[in-house]
Amino acid sequence: MSRCIIFHSYSGVTRRIAKKVKTACGGDLIEVKPQKKYNAFTVYARGGYRAMKGEQDPIEPKKIDVSGYDMIVIGTPVWAWKPTPVINAAIAALKGSEGKKAILYATCGGQAGETIEIMRKALEGKGVNVAGDMVFGKKDVKDGKKINELIVMVNAAAIA
């Protein structure tokens, strides 16, 4: 089963998990970045506000064609209890996603709030079947056991 791992990472935490999934499960990494980078001030002032409102940032790549993949893994940091504006835009930019399976994960310092549900609804609206999700809190990102649970989930969804 061919996979792509789509992610946005501001601090590097979400990226590290994406790389571990790629190493264990295979697939292609697609890092989505805002066209206008955030800094230590704007990430909270602008990014958090835009996340609260469910907005999208202009991103690179502008289009994400997943038609050649069987499964999509999508990872996001949590900003203001919601997915980042970058991941909101990445989901909107998906092409060829209908009928694909997806596994979602979110990384956060506290609580994930509505993050997973917002992503799930957006993907289901594009005809994607969300087969599982996982939230990584501060302690979980260092816990190899929890990351292995995500890897098992990705592999199990591939054969289900």
N, C-alpha and C. Protein backbone atom coordinates (compact mmCIF):
# COMPACT_ATOMS: atom_id res chain seq x y z
N MET A 1 0.85 -1.18 0.00
CA MET A 1 0.00 0.00 0.00
C MET A 1 0.89 1.24 0.00
N SER A 2 0.60 2.15 -0.90
CA SER A 2 1.40 3.38 -0.98
C SER A 2 0.80 4.43 -0.04
N ARG A 3 1.72 5.13 0.63
CA ARG A 3 1.30 6.12 1.63
C ARG A 3 2.00 7.44 1.40
N CYS A 4 1.33 8.51 1.80
CA CYS A 4 2.01 9.79 1.91
C CYS A 4 1.71 10.35 3.30
N ILE A 5 2.71 10.99 3.85
CA ILE A 5 2.60 11.57 5.18
C ILE A 5 2.68 13.08 4.99
N ILE A 6 1.56 13.74 5.17
CA ILE A 6 1.44 15.18 4.98
C ILE A 6 1.47 15.82 6.36
N PHE A 7 2.31 16.84 6.52
CA PHE A 7 2.39 17.44 7.85
C PHE A 7 2.81 18.90 7.77
N HIS A 8 2.47 19.63 8.82
CA HIS A 8 2.99 20.97 9.07
C HIS A 8 3.66 20.90 10.43
N SER A 9 4.82 21.53 10.55
CA SER A 9 5.52 21.53 11.83
C SER A 9 6.17 22.89 12.04
N TYR A 10 5.78 23.56 13.11
CA TYR A 10 6.40 24.85 13.44
C TYR A 10 7.66 24.64 14.27
N SER A 11 7.57 23.81 15.31
CA SER A 11 8.69 23.63 16.23
C SER A 11 9.55 22.41 15.92
N GLY A 12 9.08 21.52 15.06
CA GLY A 12 9.83 20.31 14.73
C GLY A 12 9.26 19.04 15.34
N VAL A 13 8.35 19.16 16.29
CA VAL A 13 7.78 17.99 16.96
C VAL A 13 6.95 17.15 15.99
N THR A 14 6.06 17.78 15.26
CA THR A 14 5.20 17.06 14.32
C THR A 14 6.04 16.43 13.21
N ARG A 15 7.09 17.12 12.78
CA ARG A 15 8.01 16.61 11.77
C ARG A 15 8.71 15.34 12.26
N ARG A 16 9.18 15.33 13.50
CA ARG A 16 9.88 14.14 14.03
C ARG A 16 8.97 12.91 14.00
N ILE A 17 7.72 13.09 14.37
CA ILE A 17 6.78 11.97 14.34
C ILE A 17 6.55 11.53 12.89
N ALA A 18 6.38 12.47 11.98
CA ALA A 18 6.18 12.13 10.56
C ALA A 18 7.35 11.31 10.05
N LYS A 19 8.56 11.69 10.39
CA LYS A 19 9.75 10.96 9.94
C LYS A 19 9.80 9.55 10.52
N LYS A 20 9.38 9.40 11.76
CA LYS A 20 9.35 8.06 12.37
C LYS A 20 8.32 7.17 11.70
N VAL A 21 7.17 7.73 11.34
CA VAL A 21 6.15 6.97 10.62
C VAL A 21 6.69 6.55 9.25
N LYS A 22 7.36 7.46 8.57
CA LYS A 22 7.94 7.15 7.26
C LYS A 22 8.97 6.04 7.37
N THR A 23 9.84 6.13 8.35
CA THR A 23 10.88 5.11 8.53
C THR A 23 10.27 3.74 8.80
N ALA A 24 9.24 3.70 9.63
CA ALA A 24 8.63 2.42 10.01
C ALA A 24 7.66 1.87 8.96
N CYS A 25 6.96 2.75 8.26
CA CYS A 25 5.86 2.32 7.38
C CYS A 25 6.13 2.56 5.90
N GLY A 26 7.14 3.34 5.59
CA GLY A 26 7.38 3.72 4.21
C GLY A 26 6.48 4.86 3.80
N GLY A 27 6.63 5.28 2.57
CA GLY A 27 5.80 6.37 2.05
C GLY A 27 6.61 7.60 1.76
N ASP A 28 5.91 8.60 1.28
CA ASP A 28 6.53 9.88 0.93
C ASP A 28 6.15 10.94 1.96
N LEU A 29 7.12 11.77 2.32
CA LEU A 29 6.86 12.89 3.22
C LEU A 29 6.51 14.12 2.40
N ILE A 30 5.46 14.80 2.79
CA ILE A 30 5.09 16.07 2.16
C ILE A 30 4.95 17.09 3.27
N GLU A 31 5.97 17.93 3.41
CA GLU A 31 5.92 18.97 4.43
C GLU A 31 5.27 20.20 3.82
N VAL A 32 4.21 20.66 4.45
CA VAL A 32 3.48 21.82 3.97
C VAL A 32 3.92 23.02 4.80
N LYS A 33 4.26 24.10 4.10
CA LYS A 33 4.77 25.29 4.79
C LYS A 33 3.96 26.51 4.39
N PRO A 34 3.85 27.46 5.30
CA PRO A 34 3.17 28.71 4.93
C PRO A 34 4.07 29.50 3.97
N GLN A 35 3.46 30.20 3.02
CA GLN A 35 4.26 31.03 2.12
C GLN A 35 4.93 32.16 2.90
N LYS A 36 4.25 32.66 3.91
CA LYS A 36 4.83 33.69 4.79
C LYS A 36 5.11 33.03 6.13
N LYS A 37 6.38 32.86 6.45
CA LYS A 37 6.76 32.14 7.67
C LYS A 37 6.32 32.88 8.94
N TYR A 38 6.02 32.07 9.94
CA TYR A 38 5.71 32.61 11.26
C TYR A 38 7.01 32.79 12.03
N ASN A 39 7.02 33.75 12.96
CA ASN A 39 8.13 33.89 13.89
C ASN A 39 7.58 33.75 15.30
N ALA A 40 8.43 33.91 16.30
CA ALA A 40 8.02 33.68 17.69
C ALA A 40 6.84 34.58 18.10
N PHE A 41 6.73 35.74 17.52
CA PHE A 41 5.62 36.63 17.86
C PHE A 41 4.38 36.30 17.02
N THR A 42 4.53 36.20 15.71
CA THR A 42 3.37 36.03 14.84
C THR A 42 2.72 34.66 14.96
N VAL A 43 3.47 33.66 15.42
CA VAL A 43 2.88 32.33 15.54
C VAL A 43 1.69 32.35 16.51
N TYR A 44 1.80 33.13 17.55
CA TYR A 44 0.70 33.21 18.52
C TYR A 44 -0.28 34.31 18.15
N ALA A 45 0.24 35.49 17.81
CA ALA A 45 -0.63 36.63 17.53
C ALA A 45 -1.44 36.42 16.26
N ARG A 46 -0.80 35.99 15.18
CA ARG A 46 -1.51 35.81 13.91
C ARG A 46 -1.94 34.37 13.71
N GLY A 47 -1.01 33.43 13.93
CA GLY A 47 -1.31 32.02 13.68
C GLY A 47 -2.40 31.47 14.59
N GLY A 48 -2.30 31.74 15.87
CA GLY A 48 -3.31 31.27 16.82
C GLY A 48 -4.68 31.86 16.54
N TYR A 49 -4.70 33.13 16.22
CA TYR A 49 -5.96 33.80 15.89
C TYR A 49 -6.59 33.20 14.63
N ARG A 50 -5.78 32.99 13.60
CA ARG A 50 -6.28 32.41 12.35
C ARG A 50 -6.75 30.97 12.57
N ALA A 51 -6.07 30.24 13.43
CA ALA A 51 -6.49 28.87 13.74
C ALA A 51 -7.85 28.89 14.44
N MET A 52 -8.02 29.79 15.41
CA MET A 52 -9.30 29.89 16.13
C MET A 52 -10.46 30.13 15.17
N LYS A 53 -10.20 30.90 14.12
CA LYS A 53 -11.25 31.25 13.16
C LYS A 53 -11.39 30.21 12.04
N GLY A 54 -10.53 29.18 12.05
CA GLY A 54 -10.61 28.14 11.03
C GLY A 54 -10.11 28.58 9.66
N GLU A 55 -9.25 29.58 9.65
CA GLU A 55 -8.77 30.14 8.39
C GLU A 55 -7.65 29.29 7.78
N GLN A 56 -7.32 29.61 6.53
CA GLN A 56 -6.26 28.92 5.80
C GLN A 56 -5.16 29.91 5.43
N ASP A 57 -3.92 29.43 5.48
CA ASP A 57 -2.78 30.22 5.03
C ASP A 57 -2.45 29.86 3.59
N PRO A 58 -1.95 30.80 2.80
CA PRO A 58 -1.36 30.42 1.51
C PRO A 58 -0.18 29.48 1.80
N ILE A 59 -0.11 28.37 1.07
CA ILE A 59 0.87 27.33 1.39
C ILE A 59 1.72 26.93 0.19
N GLU A 60 2.79 26.26 0.49
CA GLU A 60 3.63 25.56 -0.48
C GLU A 60 3.72 24.12 0.00
N PRO A 61 3.44 23.14 -0.81
CA PRO A 61 2.95 23.26 -2.19
C PRO A 61 1.50 23.74 -2.22
N LYS A 62 1.14 24.39 -3.32
CA LYS A 62 -0.22 24.95 -3.45
C LYS A 62 -1.26 23.87 -3.66
N LYS A 63 -0.90 22.80 -4.36
CA LYS A 63 -1.80 21.66 -4.61
C LYS A 63 -1.09 20.40 -4.12
N ILE A 64 -1.85 19.48 -3.57
CA ILE A 64 -1.29 18.21 -3.08
C ILE A 64 -2.07 17.09 -3.73
N ASP A 65 -1.48 16.48 -4.74
CA ASP A 65 -2.13 15.40 -5.49
C ASP A 65 -1.84 14.07 -4.80
N VAL A 66 -2.87 13.47 -4.24
CA VAL A 66 -2.72 12.19 -3.54
C VAL A 66 -3.33 11.03 -4.32
N SER A 67 -3.63 11.26 -5.59
CA SER A 67 -4.29 10.23 -6.40
C SER A 67 -3.45 8.97 -6.53
N GLY A 68 -2.14 9.07 -6.42
CA GLY A 68 -1.27 7.90 -6.54
C GLY A 68 -1.05 7.14 -5.25
N TYR A 69 -1.72 7.53 -4.19
CA TYR A 69 -1.55 6.90 -2.88
C TYR A 69 -2.83 6.20 -2.45
N ASP A 70 -2.66 5.15 -1.66
CA ASP A 70 -3.81 4.45 -1.08
C ASP A 70 -4.20 5.03 0.28
N MET A 71 -3.20 5.57 0.99
CA MET A 71 -3.43 6.06 2.34
C MET A 71 -2.73 7.40 2.54
N ILE A 72 -3.39 8.24 3.35
CA ILE A 72 -2.85 9.54 3.71
C ILE A 72 -2.71 9.59 5.22
N VAL A 73 -1.55 10.00 5.70
CA VAL A 73 -1.35 10.28 7.12
C VAL A 73 -1.16 11.79 7.21
N ILE A 74 -1.92 12.44 8.10
CA ILE A 74 -1.84 13.90 8.21
C ILE A 74 -1.55 14.27 9.66
N GLY A 75 -0.50 15.09 9.85
CA GLY A 75 -0.12 15.54 11.18
C GLY A 75 -0.10 17.05 11.29
N THR A 76 -0.56 17.54 12.42
CA THR A 76 -0.60 18.99 12.66
C THR A 76 -0.27 19.31 14.12
N PRO A 77 0.36 20.45 14.35
CA PRO A 77 0.39 20.98 15.71
C PRO A 77 -1.01 21.51 16.05
N VAL A 78 -1.28 21.69 17.31
CA VAL A 78 -2.54 22.28 17.76
C VAL A 78 -2.27 23.73 18.15
N TRP A 79 -3.01 24.62 17.53
CA TRP A 79 -2.93 26.04 17.86
C TRP A 79 -4.33 26.48 18.27
N ALA A 80 -4.46 27.00 19.46
CA ALA A 80 -5.75 27.48 19.97
C ALA A 80 -6.81 26.37 19.89
N TRP A 81 -6.41 25.16 20.21
CA TRP A 81 -7.27 23.98 20.26
C TRP A 81 -7.82 23.56 18.89
N LYS A 82 -7.12 23.98 17.84
CA LYS A 82 -7.57 23.68 16.47
C LYS A 82 -6.37 23.39 15.59
N PRO A 83 -6.62 22.81 14.37
CA PRO A 83 -5.51 22.60 13.45
C PRO A 83 -4.94 23.94 12.98
N THR A 84 -3.70 23.92 12.56
CA THR A 84 -3.07 25.16 12.09
C THR A 84 -3.70 25.62 10.78
N PRO A 85 -3.61 26.92 10.49
CA PRO A 85 -4.10 27.42 9.20
C PRO A 85 -3.39 26.75 8.02
N VAL A 86 -2.18 26.29 8.23
CA VAL A 86 -1.43 25.60 7.19
C VAL A 86 -2.07 24.25 6.87
N ILE A 87 -2.43 23.48 7.89
CA ILE A 87 -3.08 22.18 7.65
C ILE A 87 -4.49 22.36 7.12
N ASN A 88 -5.19 23.39 7.57
CA ASN A 88 -6.51 23.68 6.99
C ASN A 88 -6.36 23.86 5.47
N ALA A 89 -5.36 24.60 5.07
CA ALA A 89 -5.12 24.85 3.64
C ALA A 89 -4.66 23.57 2.94
N ALA A 90 -3.85 22.76 3.61
CA ALA A 90 -3.36 21.51 3.01
C ALA A 90 -4.52 20.57 2.71
N ILE A 91 -5.44 20.45 3.64
CA ILE A 91 -6.61 19.59 3.42
C ILE A 91 -7.43 20.12 2.25
N ALA A 92 -7.62 21.43 2.20
CA ALA A 92 -8.37 22.03 1.09
C ALA A 92 -7.65 21.83 -0.24
N ALA A 93 -6.32 21.74 -0.21
CA ALA A 93 -5.50 21.61 -1.43
C ALA A 93 -5.41 20.17 -1.95
N LEU A 94 -5.95 19.21 -1.20
CA LEU A 94 -5.85 17.81 -1.63
C LEU A 94 -6.61 17.59 -2.94
N LYS A 95 -5.96 16.90 -3.85
CA LYS A 95 -6.57 16.51 -5.13
C LYS A 95 -6.47 15.00 -5.24
N GLY A 96 -7.53 14.37 -5.73
CA GLY A 96 -7.53 12.92 -5.90
C GLY A 96 -7.66 12.16 -4.60
N SER A 97 -8.32 12.75 -3.61
CA SER A 97 -8.40 12.14 -2.27
C SER A 97 -9.63 11.26 -2.07
N GLU A 98 -10.61 11.34 -2.94
CA GLU A 98 -11.85 10.59 -2.74
C GLU A 98 -11.58 9.08 -2.70
N GLY A 99 -12.14 8.44 -1.66
CA GLY A 99 -11.98 6.99 -1.49
C GLY A 99 -10.71 6.57 -0.78
N LYS A 100 -9.86 7.52 -0.40
CA LYS A 100 -8.61 7.19 0.31
C LYS A 100 -8.89 6.98 1.79
N LYS A 101 -7.99 6.21 2.44
CA LYS A 101 -8.01 6.07 3.90
C LYS A 101 -7.07 7.12 4.47
N ALA A 102 -7.36 7.55 5.69
CA ALA A 102 -6.50 8.52 6.36
C ALA A 102 -6.35 8.18 7.84
N ILE A 103 -5.17 8.47 8.34
CA ILE A 103 -4.88 8.45 9.77
C ILE A 103 -4.45 9.86 10.13
N LEU A 104 -5.00 10.39 11.22
CA LEU A 104 -4.70 11.76 11.64
C LEU A 104 -3.94 11.74 12.96
N TYR A 105 -3.04 12.70 13.11
CA TYR A 105 -2.42 12.90 14.43
C TYR A 105 -2.19 14.37 14.68
N ALA A 106 -2.22 14.72 15.95
CA ALA A 106 -2.01 16.09 16.38
C ALA A 106 -1.02 16.11 17.54
N THR A 107 -0.20 17.14 17.58
CA THR A 107 0.76 17.31 18.67
C THR A 107 0.39 18.60 19.41
N CYS A 108 0.43 18.53 20.74
CA CYS A 108 0.04 19.70 21.50
C CYS A 108 0.74 19.74 22.85
N GLY A 109 0.80 20.94 23.39
CA GLY A 109 1.38 21.12 24.71
C GLY A 109 0.36 20.92 25.81
N GLY A 110 -0.90 20.96 25.47
CA GLY A 110 -1.97 20.82 26.45
C GLY A 110 -3.06 19.91 25.92
N GLN A 111 -4.16 20.51 25.50
CA GLN A 111 -5.29 19.74 25.00
C GLN A 111 -5.50 20.01 23.51
N ALA A 112 -5.96 18.99 22.81
CA ALA A 112 -6.16 19.10 21.36
C ALA A 112 -7.47 19.77 20.99
N GLY A 113 -8.38 19.90 21.95
CA GLY A 113 -9.65 20.56 21.67
C GLY A 113 -10.38 19.93 20.49
N GLU A 114 -10.73 20.74 19.51
CA GLU A 114 -11.51 20.30 18.36
C GLU A 114 -10.66 19.88 17.17
N THR A 115 -9.36 19.85 17.31
CA THR A 115 -8.45 19.65 16.19
C THR A 115 -8.80 18.43 15.33
N ILE A 116 -8.86 17.27 15.95
CA ILE A 116 -9.09 16.04 15.18
C ILE A 116 -10.46 16.07 14.52
N GLU A 117 -11.48 16.52 15.24
CA GLU A 117 -12.82 16.54 14.67
C GLU A 117 -12.92 17.49 13.48
N ILE A 118 -12.27 18.62 13.55
CA ILE A 118 -12.28 19.57 12.43
C ILE A 118 -11.61 18.94 11.20
N MET A 119 -10.47 18.30 11.42
CA MET A 119 -9.77 17.64 10.31
C MET A 119 -10.62 16.50 9.73
N ARG A 120 -11.21 15.72 10.62
CA ARG A 120 -12.05 14.59 10.18
C ARG A 120 -13.19 15.07 9.28
N LYS A 121 -13.91 16.10 9.73
CA LYS A 121 -15.05 16.61 8.95
C LYS A 121 -14.60 17.14 7.59
N ALA A 122 -13.48 17.87 7.58
CA ALA A 122 -12.98 18.42 6.32
C ALA A 122 -12.60 17.30 5.35
N LEU A 123 -11.96 16.26 5.87
CA LEU A 123 -11.55 15.14 5.01
C LEU A 123 -12.75 14.32 4.56
N GLU A 124 -13.68 14.06 5.45
CA GLU A 124 -14.87 13.30 5.06
C GLU A 124 -15.65 14.06 3.99
N GLY A 125 -15.63 15.38 4.04
CA GLY A 125 -16.26 16.20 3.02
C GLY A 125 -15.60 16.05 1.65
N LYS A 126 -14.35 15.55 1.65
CA LYS A 126 -13.63 15.31 0.40
C LYS A 126 -13.67 13.83 0.02
N GLY A 127 -14.52 13.05 0.73
CA GLY A 127 -14.66 11.63 0.41
C GLY A 127 -13.60 10.73 0.99
N VAL A 128 -12.88 11.21 2.00
CA VAL A 128 -11.81 10.43 2.65
C VAL A 128 -12.40 9.67 3.83
N ASN A 129 -11.98 8.42 4.00
CA ASN A 129 -12.39 7.60 5.14
C ASN A 129 -11.32 7.70 6.22
N VAL A 130 -11.63 8.37 7.32
CA VAL A 130 -10.67 8.50 8.41
C VAL A 130 -10.73 7.22 9.25
N ALA A 131 -9.64 6.46 9.18
CA ALA A 131 -9.59 5.14 9.82
C ALA A 131 -9.07 5.19 11.25
N GLY A 132 -8.51 6.30 11.68
CA GLY A 132 -8.00 6.40 13.04
C GLY A 132 -7.36 7.74 13.30
N ASP A 133 -7.14 8.04 14.58
CA ASP A 133 -6.49 9.29 14.96
C ASP A 133 -5.80 9.14 16.30
N MET A 134 -4.86 10.02 16.55
CA MET A 134 -4.11 9.99 17.79
C MET A 134 -3.66 11.41 18.14
N VAL A 135 -3.67 11.72 19.43
CA VAL A 135 -3.20 13.00 19.93
C VAL A 135 -1.97 12.75 20.81
N PHE A 136 -0.93 13.53 20.56
CA PHE A 136 0.30 13.45 21.34
C PHE A 136 0.42 14.70 22.20
N GLY A 137 0.34 14.51 23.52
CA GLY A 137 0.59 15.60 24.45
C GLY A 137 2.08 15.79 24.64
N LYS A 138 2.45 16.72 25.48
CA LYS A 138 3.86 17.05 25.72
C LYS A 138 4.70 15.82 26.09
N LYS A 139 4.19 15.02 27.01
CA LYS A 139 4.93 13.83 27.46
C LYS A 139 4.94 12.74 26.39
N ASP A 140 3.86 12.66 25.61
CA ASP A 140 3.71 11.59 24.62
C ASP A 140 4.72 11.66 23.48
N VAL A 141 5.17 12.87 23.13
CA VAL A 141 6.06 12.98 21.98
C VAL A 141 7.43 12.36 22.25
N LYS A 142 7.75 12.22 23.52
CA LYS A 142 9.02 11.57 23.88
C LYS A 142 8.84 10.09 24.17
N ASP A 143 7.59 9.66 24.19
CA ASP A 143 7.25 8.28 24.54
C ASP A 143 7.25 7.41 23.29
N GLY A 144 8.26 6.59 23.14
CA GLY A 144 8.35 5.71 21.99
C GLY A 144 7.17 4.77 21.88
N LYS A 145 6.58 4.42 23.02
CA LYS A 145 5.43 3.50 23.01
C LYS A 145 4.24 4.13 22.28
N LYS A 146 3.97 5.38 22.55
CA LYS A 146 2.83 6.05 21.91
C LYS A 146 3.07 6.22 20.41
N ILE A 147 4.30 6.55 20.04
CA ILE A 147 4.62 6.67 18.61
C ILE A 147 4.47 5.31 17.94
N ASN A 148 4.88 4.25 18.62
CA ASN A 148 4.69 2.91 18.07
C ASN A 148 3.21 2.57 17.90
N GLU A 149 2.36 3.06 18.79
CA GLU A 149 0.92 2.85 18.64
C GLU A 149 0.41 3.50 17.36
N LEU A 150 0.93 4.68 17.03
CA LEU A 150 0.55 5.34 15.79
C LEU A 150 1.02 4.52 14.59
N ILE A 151 2.23 4.00 14.66
CA ILE A 151 2.77 3.18 13.57
C ILE A 151 1.92 1.92 13.39
N VAL A 152 1.54 1.28 14.49
CA VAL A 152 0.68 0.09 14.41
C VAL A 152 -0.66 0.47 13.77
N MET A 153 -1.21 1.62 14.15
CA MET A 153 -2.48 2.08 13.60
C MET A 153 -2.38 2.28 12.08
N VAL A 154 -1.29 2.90 11.64
CA VAL A 154 -1.09 3.14 10.21
C VAL A 154 -0.99 1.79 9.47
N ASN A 155 -0.20 0.86 10.00
CA ASN A 155 -0.05 -0.43 9.35
C ASN A 155 -1.34 -1.24 9.36
N ALA A 156 -2.09 -1.17 10.45
CA ALA A 156 -3.35 -1.90 10.54
C ALA A 156 -4.38 -1.36 9.55
N ALA A 157 -4.42 -0.06 9.40
CA ALA A 157 -5.36 0.55 8.45
C ALA A 157 -5.02 0.16 7.02
N ALA A 158 -3.75 -0.11 6.78
CA ALA A 158 -3.32 -0.47 5.42
C ALA A 158 -3.86 -1.85 5.01
N ILE A 159 -4.06 -2.74 5.99
CA ILE A 159 -4.52 -4.08 5.65
C ILE A 159 -6.02 -4.28 5.91
N ALA A 160 -6.64 -3.30 6.53
CA ALA A 160 -8.07 -3.42 6.84
C ALA A 160 -8.94 -3.16 5.63
